[in-house]
Amino acid sequence: MLVLPAELTHKQAKACADMLAQALRKQSERAVVVEAAALTHFDSSALAVLLECRREALAQGKSFSVRQLPADLRKLAGLYGVAALLPAAP
């Protein structure tokens, strides 16, 4: 499972995306789950990071889902029309 930090804004986006990509390459499981429970301070950059992680997972033939995405970030994803690309993990 990949884990998002408590803060994910434009300032942390590149480092977080790089960290997730590196962890994803090392993950042997076919189902990629990103845990977002710790995420409390974010902006739209968090969506960009999640979408990049999704692209990377799909490119590797893996599935992608997000666990405990904060409600406000889910609403933001809906406004941008990308909510369907960030399915909730079971």
PDB file of N, CA and C in Angstrom:
ATOM      1  N   MET A   1       0.843  -1.180   0.000  1.00  0.00           N
ATOM      2  CA  MET A   1       0.000   0.000   0.000  1.00  0.00           C
ATOM      3  C   MET A   1       0.887   1.243   0.000  1.00  0.00           C
ATOM      4  N   LEU A   2       0.508   2.206  -0.827  1.00  0.00           N
ATOM      5  CA  LEU A   2       1.211   3.477  -0.883  1.00  0.00           C
ATOM      6  C   LEU A   2       0.482   4.453   0.036  1.00  0.00           C
ATOM      7  N   VAL A   3       1.218   5.333   0.705  1.00  0.00           N
ATOM      8  CA  VAL A   3       0.625   6.221   1.702  1.00  0.00           C
ATOM      9  C   VAL A   3       0.934   7.671   1.374  1.00  0.00           C
ATOM     10  N   LEU A   4      -0.117   8.497   1.386  1.00  0.00           N
ATOM     11  CA  LEU A   4       0.072   9.933   1.183  1.00  0.00           C
ATOM     12  C   LEU A   4       0.441  10.596   2.501  1.00  0.00           C
ATOM     13  N   PRO A   5       1.202  11.689   2.435  1.00  0.00           N
ATOM     14  CA  PRO A   5       1.562  12.422   3.658  1.00  0.00           C
ATOM     15  C   PRO A   5       0.384  13.256   4.167  1.00  0.00           C
ATOM     16  N   ALA A   6       0.536  13.862   5.316  1.00  0.00           N
ATOM     17  CA  ALA A   6      -0.510  14.705   5.893  1.00  0.00           C
ATOM     18  C   ALA A   6      -0.710  15.974   5.067  1.00  0.00           C
ATOM     19  N   GLU A   7       0.362  16.485   4.474  1.00  0.00           N
ATOM     20  CA  GLU A   7       0.288  17.706   3.670  1.00  0.00           C
ATOM     21  C   GLU A   7       0.735  17.406   2.248  1.00  0.00           C
ATOM     22  N   LEU A   8      -0.102  17.812   1.293  1.00  0.00           N
ATOM     23  CA  LEU A   8       0.225  17.603  -0.110  1.00  0.00           C
ATOM     24  C   LEU A   8      -0.290  18.786  -0.914  1.00  0.00           C
ATOM     25  N   THR A   9       0.576  19.784  -1.044  1.00  0.00           N
ATOM     26  CA  THR A   9       0.269  20.982  -1.819  1.00  0.00           C
ATOM     27  C   THR A   9       1.286  21.083  -2.946  1.00  0.00           C
ATOM     28  N   HIS A  10       1.205  22.156  -3.697  1.00  0.00           N
ATOM     29  CA  HIS A  10       2.135  22.346  -4.811  1.00  0.00           C
ATOM     30  C   HIS A  10       3.593  22.215  -4.341  1.00  0.00           C
ATOM     31  N   LYS A  11       3.865  22.687  -3.146  1.00  0.00           N
ATOM     32  CA  LYS A  11       5.230  22.651  -2.599  1.00  0.00           C
ATOM     33  C   LYS A  11       5.768  21.222  -2.462  1.00  0.00           C
ATOM     34  N   GLN A  12       4.922  20.263  -2.083  1.00  0.00           N
ATOM     35  CA  GLN A  12       5.355  18.884  -1.873  1.00  0.00           C
ATOM     36  C   GLN A  12       5.050  17.956  -3.056  1.00  0.00           C
ATOM     37  N   ALA A  13       4.336  18.446  -4.062  1.00  0.00           N
ATOM     38  CA  ALA A  13       3.812  17.585  -5.118  1.00  0.00           C
ATOM     39  C   ALA A  13       4.886  16.789  -5.860  1.00  0.00           C
ATOM     40  N   LYS A  14       5.938  17.428  -6.321  1.00  0.00           N
ATOM     41  CA  LYS A  14       6.953  16.715  -7.094  1.00  0.00           C
ATOM     42  C   LYS A  14       7.631  15.639  -6.261  1.00  0.00           C
ATOM     43  N   ALA A  15       8.024  15.986  -5.042  1.00  0.00           N
ATOM     44  CA  ALA A  15       8.686  15.005  -4.174  1.00  0.00           C
ATOM     45  C   ALA A  15       7.755  13.836  -3.864  1.00  0.00           C
ATOM     46  N   CYS A  16       6.481  14.116  -3.619  1.00  0.00           N
ATOM     47  CA  CYS A  16       5.521  13.054  -3.320  1.00  0.00           C
ATOM     48  C   CYS A  16       5.294  12.173  -4.547  1.00  0.00           C
ATOM     49  N   ALA A  17       5.144  12.787  -5.711  1.00  0.00           N
ATOM     50  CA  ALA A  17       4.949  12.014  -6.947  1.00  0.00           C
ATOM     51  C   ALA A  17       6.151  11.127  -7.220  1.00  0.00           C
ATOM     52  N   ASP A  18       7.345  11.658  -7.014  1.00  0.00           N
ATOM     53  CA  ASP A  18       8.561  10.862  -7.206  1.00  0.00           C
ATOM     54  C   ASP A  18       8.621   9.694  -6.227  1.00  0.00           C
ATOM     55  N   MET A  19       8.259   9.945  -4.965  1.00  0.00           N
ATOM     56  CA  MET A  19       8.266   8.909  -3.942  1.00  0.00           C
ATOM     57  C   MET A  19       7.261   7.803  -4.283  1.00  0.00           C
ATOM     58  N   LEU A  20       6.070   8.205  -4.707  1.00  0.00           N
ATOM     59  CA  LEU A  20       5.051   7.218  -5.063  1.00  0.00           C
ATOM     60  C   LEU A  20       5.468   6.398  -6.280  1.00  0.00           C
ATOM     61  N   ALA A  21       6.057   7.060  -7.276  1.00  0.00           N
ATOM     62  CA  ALA A  21       6.496   6.347  -8.481  1.00  0.00           C
ATOM     63  C   ALA A  21       7.573   5.324  -8.138  1.00  0.00           C
ATOM     64  N   GLN A  22       8.498   5.704  -7.279  1.00  0.00           N
ATOM     65  CA  GLN A  22       9.557   4.787  -6.869  1.00  0.00           C
ATOM     66  C   GLN A  22       8.971   3.598  -6.106  1.00  0.00           C
ATOM     67  N   ALA A  23       8.063   3.864  -5.181  1.00  0.00           N
ATOM     68  CA  ALA A  23       7.442   2.785  -4.409  1.00  0.00           C
ATOM     69  C   ALA A  23       6.600   1.880  -5.310  1.00  0.00           C
ATOM     70  N   LEU A  24       5.953   2.471  -6.276  1.00  0.00           N
ATOM     71  CA  LEU A  24       5.118   1.707  -7.202  1.00  0.00           C
ATOM     72  C   LEU A  24       5.957   0.745  -8.033  1.00  0.00           C
ATOM     73  N   ARG A  25       7.117   1.191  -8.458  1.00  0.00           N
ATOM     74  CA  ARG A  25       8.005   0.322  -9.246  1.00  0.00           C
ATOM     75  C   ARG A  25       8.491  -0.871  -8.437  1.00  0.00           C
ATOM     76  N   LYS A  26       8.596  -0.712  -7.123  1.00  0.00           N
ATOM     77  CA  LYS A  26       9.073  -1.790  -6.255  1.00  0.00           C
ATOM     78  C   LYS A  26       7.949  -2.721  -5.814  1.00  0.00           C
ATOM     79  N   GLN A  27       6.706  -2.279  -5.958  1.00  0.00           N
ATOM     80  CA  GLN A  27       5.564  -3.057  -5.481  1.00  0.00           C
ATOM     81  C   GLN A  27       5.274  -4.219  -6.431  1.00  0.00           C
ATOM     82  N   SER A  28       5.180  -5.405  -5.864  1.00  0.00           N
ATOM     83  CA  SER A  28       4.913  -6.587  -6.688  1.00  0.00           C
ATOM     84  C   SER A  28       3.418  -6.877  -6.822  1.00  0.00           C
ATOM     85  N   GLU A  29       2.594  -6.343  -5.916  1.00  0.00           N
ATOM     86  CA  GLU A  29       1.153  -6.580  -5.984  1.00  0.00           C
ATOM     87  C   GLU A  29       0.576  -5.968  -7.252  1.00  0.00           C
ATOM     88  N   ARG A  30      -0.442  -6.621  -7.801  1.00  0.00           N
ATOM     89  CA  ARG A  30      -1.090  -6.143  -9.027  1.00  0.00           C
ATOM     90  C   ARG A  30      -2.115  -5.051  -8.741  1.00  0.00           C
ATOM     91  N   ALA A  31      -2.564  -4.948  -7.502  1.00  0.00           N
ATOM     92  CA  ALA A  31      -3.540  -3.926  -7.118  1.00  0.00           C
ATOM     93  C   ALA A  31      -2.841  -2.823  -6.335  1.00  0.00           C
ATOM     94  N   VAL A  32      -2.826  -1.641  -6.897  1.00  0.00           N
ATOM     95  CA  VAL A  32      -2.214  -0.497  -6.233  1.00  0.00           C
ATOM     96  C   VAL A  32      -3.295   0.230  -5.434  1.00  0.00           C
ATOM     97  N   VAL A  33      -3.060   0.356  -4.132  1.00  0.00           N
ATOM     98  CA  VAL A  33      -3.976   1.079  -3.249  1.00  0.00           C
ATOM     99  C   VAL A  33      -3.192   2.215  -2.613  1.00  0.00           C
ATOM    100  N   VAL A  34      -3.724   3.428  -2.738  1.00  0.00           N
ATOM    101  CA  VAL A  34      -3.119   4.595  -2.111  1.00  0.00           C
ATOM    102  C   VAL A  34      -3.953   4.947  -0.885  1.00  0.00           C
ATOM    103  N   GLU A  35      -3.320   4.971   0.265  1.00  0.00           N
ATOM    104  CA  GLU A  35      -3.976   5.314   1.530  1.00  0.00           C
ATOM    105  C   GLU A  35      -3.888   6.826   1.714  1.00  0.00           C
ATOM    106  N   ALA A  36      -5.051   7.476   1.832  1.00  0.00           N
ATOM    107  CA  ALA A  36      -5.086   8.936   1.949  1.00  0.00           C
ATOM    108  C   ALA A  36      -5.608   9.410   3.303  1.00  0.00           C
ATOM    109  N   ALA A  37      -5.719   8.526   4.272  1.00  0.00           N
ATOM    110  CA  ALA A  37      -6.305   8.869   5.572  1.00  0.00           C
ATOM    111  C   ALA A  37      -5.552   9.986   6.289  1.00  0.00           C
ATOM    112  N   ALA A  38      -4.248  10.041   6.134  1.00  0.00           N
ATOM    113  CA  ALA A  38      -3.457  11.057   6.843  1.00  0.00           C
ATOM    114  C   ALA A  38      -3.561  12.438   6.208  1.00  0.00           C
ATOM    115  N   LEU A  39      -4.048  12.512   4.995  1.00  0.00           N
ATOM    116  CA  LEU A  39      -4.080  13.761   4.233  1.00  0.00           C
ATOM    117  C   LEU A  39      -5.062  14.753   4.857  1.00  0.00           C
ATOM    118  N   THR A  40      -4.516  15.846   5.395  1.00  0.00           N
ATOM    119  CA  THR A  40      -5.361  16.857   6.037  1.00  0.00           C
ATOM    120  C   THR A  40      -5.202  18.238   5.417  1.00  0.00           C
ATOM    121  N   HIS A  41      -4.060  18.516   4.802  1.00  0.00           N
ATOM    122  CA  HIS A  41      -3.815  19.826   4.190  1.00  0.00           C
ATOM    123  C   HIS A  41      -3.399  19.583   2.746  1.00  0.00           C
ATOM    124  N   PHE A  42      -4.208  20.069   1.798  1.00  0.00           N
ATOM    125  CA  PHE A  42      -3.942  19.773   0.393  1.00  0.00           C
ATOM    126  C   PHE A  42      -4.524  20.858  -0.501  1.00  0.00           C
ATOM    127  N   ASP A  43      -4.098  20.841  -1.741  1.00  0.00           N
ATOM    128  CA  ASP A  43      -4.699  21.671  -2.772  1.00  0.00           C
ATOM    129  C   ASP A  43      -4.877  20.793  -4.006  1.00  0.00           C
ATOM    130  N   SER A  44      -5.181  21.389  -5.127  1.00  0.00           N
ATOM    131  CA  SER A  44      -5.444  20.597  -6.331  1.00  0.00           C
ATOM    132  C   SER A  44      -4.224  19.808  -6.794  1.00  0.00           C
ATOM    133  N   SER A  45      -3.050  20.146  -6.314  1.00  0.00           N
ATOM    134  CA  SER A  45      -1.846  19.385  -6.655  1.00  0.00           C
ATOM    135  C   SER A  45      -1.964  17.939  -6.174  1.00  0.00           C
ATOM    136  N   ALA A  46      -2.712  17.706  -5.116  1.00  0.00           N
ATOM    137  CA  ALA A  46      -2.909  16.337  -4.625  1.00  0.00           C
ATOM    138  C   ALA A  46      -3.610  15.491  -5.685  1.00  0.00           C
ATOM    139  N   LEU A  47      -4.552  16.092  -6.405  1.00  0.00           N
ATOM    140  CA  LEU A  47      -5.214  15.365  -7.489  1.00  0.00           C
ATOM    141  C   LEU A  47      -4.225  15.031  -8.599  1.00  0.00           C
ATOM    142  N   ALA A  48      -3.372  15.997  -8.929  1.00  0.00           N
ATOM    143  CA  ALA A  48      -2.375  15.746  -9.974  1.00  0.00           C
ATOM    144  C   ALA A  48      -1.453  14.601  -9.588  1.00  0.00           C
ATOM    145  N   VAL A  49      -1.057  14.550  -8.336  1.00  0.00           N
ATOM    146  CA  VAL A  49      -0.188  13.477  -7.859  1.00  0.00           C
ATOM    147  C   VAL A  49      -0.912  12.128  -7.942  1.00  0.00           C
ATOM    148  N   LEU A  50      -2.155  12.089  -7.515  1.00  0.00           N
ATOM    149  CA  LEU A  50      -2.915  10.840  -7.575  1.00  0.00           C
ATOM    150  C   LEU A  50      -3.131  10.384  -9.019  1.00  0.00           C
ATOM    151  N   LEU A  51      -3.411  11.317  -9.910  1.00  0.00           N
ATOM    152  CA  LEU A  51      -3.625  10.957 -11.311  1.00  0.00           C
ATOM    153  C   LEU A  51      -2.333  10.467 -11.955  1.00  0.00           C
ATOM    154  N   GLU A  52      -1.210  11.052 -11.575  1.00  0.00           N
ATOM    155  CA  GLU A  52       0.077  10.577 -12.095  1.00  0.00           C
ATOM    156  C   GLU A  52       0.364   9.167 -11.586  1.00  0.00           C
ATOM    157  N   CYS A  53       0.068   8.921 -10.327  1.00  0.00           N
ATOM    158  CA  CYS A  53       0.251   7.588  -9.754  1.00  0.00           C
ATOM    159  C   CYS A  53      -0.646   6.583 -10.479  1.00  0.00           C
ATOM    160  N   ARG A  54      -1.866   6.983 -10.762  1.00  0.00           N
ATOM    161  CA  ARG A  54      -2.789   6.119 -11.499  1.00  0.00           C
ATOM    162  C   ARG A  54      -2.233   5.794 -12.881  1.00  0.00           C
ATOM    163  N   ARG A  55      -1.749   6.815 -13.587  1.00  0.00           N
ATOM    164  CA  ARG A  55      -1.168   6.598 -14.926  1.00  0.00           C
ATOM    165  C   ARG A  55      -0.025   5.603 -14.864  1.00  0.00           C
ATOM    166  N   GLU A  56       0.833   5.768 -13.877  1.00  0.00           N
ATOM    167  CA  GLU A  56       1.978   4.873 -13.720  1.00  0.00           C
ATOM    168  C   GLU A  56       1.520   3.446 -13.421  1.00  0.00           C
ATOM    169  N   ALA A  57       0.542   3.307 -12.538  1.00  0.00           N
ATOM    170  CA  ALA A  57       0.028   1.972 -12.190  1.00  0.00           C
ATOM    171  C   ALA A  57      -0.570   1.294 -13.423  1.00  0.00           C
ATOM    172  N   LEU A  58      -1.398   2.005 -14.162  1.00  0.00           N
ATOM    173  CA  LEU A  58      -2.025   1.430 -15.348  1.00  0.00           C
ATOM    174  C   LEU A  58      -0.993   1.084 -16.412  1.00  0.00           C
ATOM    175  N   ALA A  59       0.046   1.907 -16.548  1.00  0.00           N
ATOM    176  CA  ALA A  59       1.115   1.625 -17.511  1.00  0.00           C
ATOM    177  C   ALA A  59       1.843   0.330 -17.171  1.00  0.00           C
ATOM    178  N   GLN A  60       1.860  -0.008 -15.879  1.00  0.00           N
ATOM    179  CA  GLN A  60       2.495  -1.250 -15.428  1.00  0.00           C
ATOM    180  C   GLN A  60       1.505  -2.417 -15.401  1.00  0.00           C
ATOM    181  N   GLY A  61       0.292  -2.204 -15.906  1.00  0.00           N
ATOM    182  CA  GLY A  61      -0.709  -3.261 -15.944  1.00  0.00           C
ATOM    183  C   GLY A  61      -1.346  -3.557 -14.603  1.00  0.00           C
ATOM    184  N   LYS A  62      -1.323  -2.591 -13.708  1.00  0.00           N
ATOM    185  CA  LYS A  62      -1.881  -2.770 -12.368  1.00  0.00           C
ATOM    186  C   LYS A  62      -3.191  -2.003 -12.239  1.00  0.00           C
ATOM    187  N   SER A  63      -4.009  -2.409 -11.288  1.00  0.00           N
ATOM    188  CA  SER A  63      -5.230  -1.668 -10.981  1.00  0.00           C
ATOM    189  C   SER A  63      -4.871  -0.541 -10.012  1.00  0.00           C
ATOM    190  N   PHE A  64      -5.789   0.410  -9.833  1.00  0.00           N
ATOM    191  CA  PHE A  64      -5.522   1.568  -8.992  1.00  0.00           C
ATOM    192  C   PHE A  64      -6.780   1.955  -8.228  1.00  0.00           C
ATOM    193  N   SER A  65      -6.618   2.215  -6.934  1.00  0.00           N
ATOM    194  CA  SER A  65      -7.723   2.728  -6.124  1.00  0.00           C
ATOM    195  C   SER A  65      -7.163   3.545  -4.962  1.00  0.00           C
ATOM    196  N   VAL A  66      -8.053   4.304  -4.336  1.00  0.00           N
ATOM    197  CA  VAL A  66      -7.657   5.181  -3.234  1.00  0.00           C
ATOM    198  C   VAL A  66      -8.516   4.860  -2.026  1.00  0.00           C
ATOM    199  N   ARG A  67      -7.884   4.722  -0.891  1.00  0.00           N
ATOM    200  CA  ARG A  67      -8.589   4.442   0.358  1.00  0.00           C
ATOM    201  C   ARG A  67      -8.653   5.720   1.193  1.00  0.00           C
ATOM    202  N   GLN A  68      -9.842   6.024   1.689  1.00  0.00           N
ATOM    203  CA  GLN A  68     -10.085   7.137   2.615  1.00  0.00           C
ATOM    204  C   GLN A  68      -9.672   8.494   2.043  1.00  0.00           C
ATOM    205  N   LEU A  69     -10.063   8.751   0.807  1.00  0.00           N
ATOM    206  CA  LEU A  69      -9.829  10.067   0.214  1.00  0.00           C
ATOM    207  C   LEU A  69     -10.684  11.083   0.966  1.00  0.00           C
ATOM    208  N   PRO A  70     -10.097  12.177   1.458  1.00  0.00           N
ATOM    209  CA  PRO A  70     -10.883  13.176   2.192  1.00  0.00           C
ATOM    210  C   PRO A  70     -12.059  13.682   1.355  1.00  0.00           C
ATOM    211  N   ALA A  71     -13.176  13.926   2.012  1.00  0.00           N
ATOM    212  CA  ALA A  71     -14.397  14.348   1.325  1.00  0.00           C
ATOM    213  C   ALA A  71     -14.177  15.611   0.492  1.00  0.00           C
ATOM    214  N   ASP A  72     -13.433  16.565   1.015  1.00  0.00           N
ATOM    215  CA  ASP A  72     -13.193  17.803   0.263  1.00  0.00           C
ATOM    216  C   ASP A  72     -12.370  17.555  -0.994  1.00  0.00           C
ATOM    217  N   LEU A  73     -11.451  16.619  -0.926  1.00  0.00           N
ATOM    218  CA  LEU A  73     -10.661  16.304  -2.112  1.00  0.00           C
ATOM    219  C   LEU A  73     -11.509  15.529  -3.121  1.00  0.00           C
ATOM    220  N   ARG A  74     -12.406  14.687  -2.635  1.00  0.00           N
ATOM    221  CA  ARG A  74     -13.339  13.971  -3.516  1.00  0.00           C
ATOM    222  C   ARG A  74     -14.242  14.977  -4.242  1.00  0.00           C
ATOM    223  N   LYS A  75     -14.709  16.007  -3.499  1.00  0.00           N
ATOM    224  CA  LYS A  75     -15.535  17.053  -4.113  1.00  0.00           C
ATOM    225  C   LYS A  75     -14.747  17.815  -5.181  1.00  0.00           C
ATOM    226  N   LEU A  76     -13.503  18.117  -4.891  1.00  0.00           N
ATOM    227  CA  LEU A  76     -12.651  18.813  -5.848  1.00  0.00           C
ATOM    228  C   LEU A  76     -12.447  17.961  -7.105  1.00  0.00           C
ATOM    229  N   ALA A  77     -12.260  16.676  -6.913  1.00  0.00           N
ATOM    230  CA  ALA A  77     -12.120  15.758  -8.054  1.00  0.00           C
ATOM    231  C   ALA A  77     -13.396  15.769  -8.892  1.00  0.00           C
ATOM    232  N   GLY A  78     -14.539  15.852  -8.235  1.00  0.00           N
ATOM    233  CA  GLY A  78     -15.808  15.932  -8.949  1.00  0.00           C
ATOM    234  C   GLY A  78     -15.921  17.212  -9.754  1.00  0.00           C
ATOM    235  N   LEU A  79     -15.504  18.325  -9.169  1.00  0.00           N
ATOM    236  CA  LEU A  79     -15.534  19.610  -9.885  1.00  0.00           C
ATOM    237  C   LEU A  79     -14.647  19.582 -11.124  1.00  0.00           C
ATOM    238  N   TYR A  80     -13.523  18.903 -11.024  1.00  0.00           N
ATOM    239  CA  TYR A  80     -12.587  18.814 -12.156  1.00  0.00           C
ATOM    240  C   TYR A  80     -12.958  17.693 -13.124  1.00  0.00           C
ATOM    241  N   GLY A  81     -13.965  16.899 -12.765  1.00  0.00           N
ATOM    242  CA  GLY A  81     -14.406  15.834 -13.644  1.00  0.00           C
ATOM    243  C   GLY A  81     -13.503  14.603 -13.656  1.00  0.00           C
ATOM    244  N   VAL A  82     -12.760  14.399 -12.572  1.00  0.00           N
ATOM    245  CA  VAL A  82     -11.828  13.256 -12.530  1.00  0.00           C
ATOM    246  C   VAL A  82     -12.157  12.272 -11.409  1.00  0.00           C
ATOM    247  N   ALA A  83     -13.278  12.447 -10.738  1.00  0.00           N
ATOM    248  CA  ALA A  83     -13.615  11.582  -9.601  1.00  0.00           C
ATOM    249  C   ALA A  83     -13.668  10.111 -10.002  1.00  0.00           C
ATOM    250  N   ALA A  84     -14.172   9.816 -11.191  1.00  0.00           N
ATOM    251  CA  ALA A  84     -14.274   8.427 -11.632  1.00  0.00           C
ATOM    252  C   ALA A  84     -12.916   7.782 -11.839  1.00  0.00           C
ATOM    253  N   LEU A  85     -11.881   8.601 -11.999  1.00  0.00           N
ATOM    254  CA  LEU A  85     -10.524   8.068 -12.198  1.00  0.00           C
ATOM    255  C   LEU A  85      -9.857   7.700 -10.871  1.00  0.00           C
ATOM    256  N   LEU A  86     -10.519   8.031  -9.761  1.00  0.00           N
ATOM    257  CA  LEU A  86      -9.969   7.774  -8.420  1.00  0.00           C
ATOM    258  C   LEU A  86     -10.948   6.908  -7.635  1.00  0.00           C
ATOM    259  N   PRO A  87     -11.126   5.657  -8.060  1.00  0.00           N
ATOM    260  CA  PRO A  87     -12.105   4.801  -7.382  1.00  0.00           C
ATOM    261  C   PRO A  87     -11.704   4.498  -5.941  1.00  0.00           C
ATOM    262  N   ALA A  88     -12.720   4.347  -5.119  1.00  0.00           N
ATOM    263  CA  ALA A  88     -12.495   4.032  -3.697  1.00  0.00           C
ATOM    264  C   ALA A  88     -12.058   2.571  -3.571  1.00  0.00           C
ATOM    265  N   ALA A  89     -11.064   2.357  -2.724  1.00  0.00           N
ATOM    266  CA  ALA A  89     -10.593   0.988  -2.446  1.00  0.00           C
ATOM    267  C   ALA A  89     -11.608   0.298  -1.550  1.00  0.00           C
ATOM    268  N   PRO A  90     -11.760  -1.006  -1.707  1.00  0.00           N
ATOM    269  CA  PRO A  90     -12.694  -1.750  -0.847  1.00  0.00           C
ATOM    270  C   PRO A  90     -12.205  -1.792   0.593  1.00  0.00           C
TER     271      PRO A  90
END
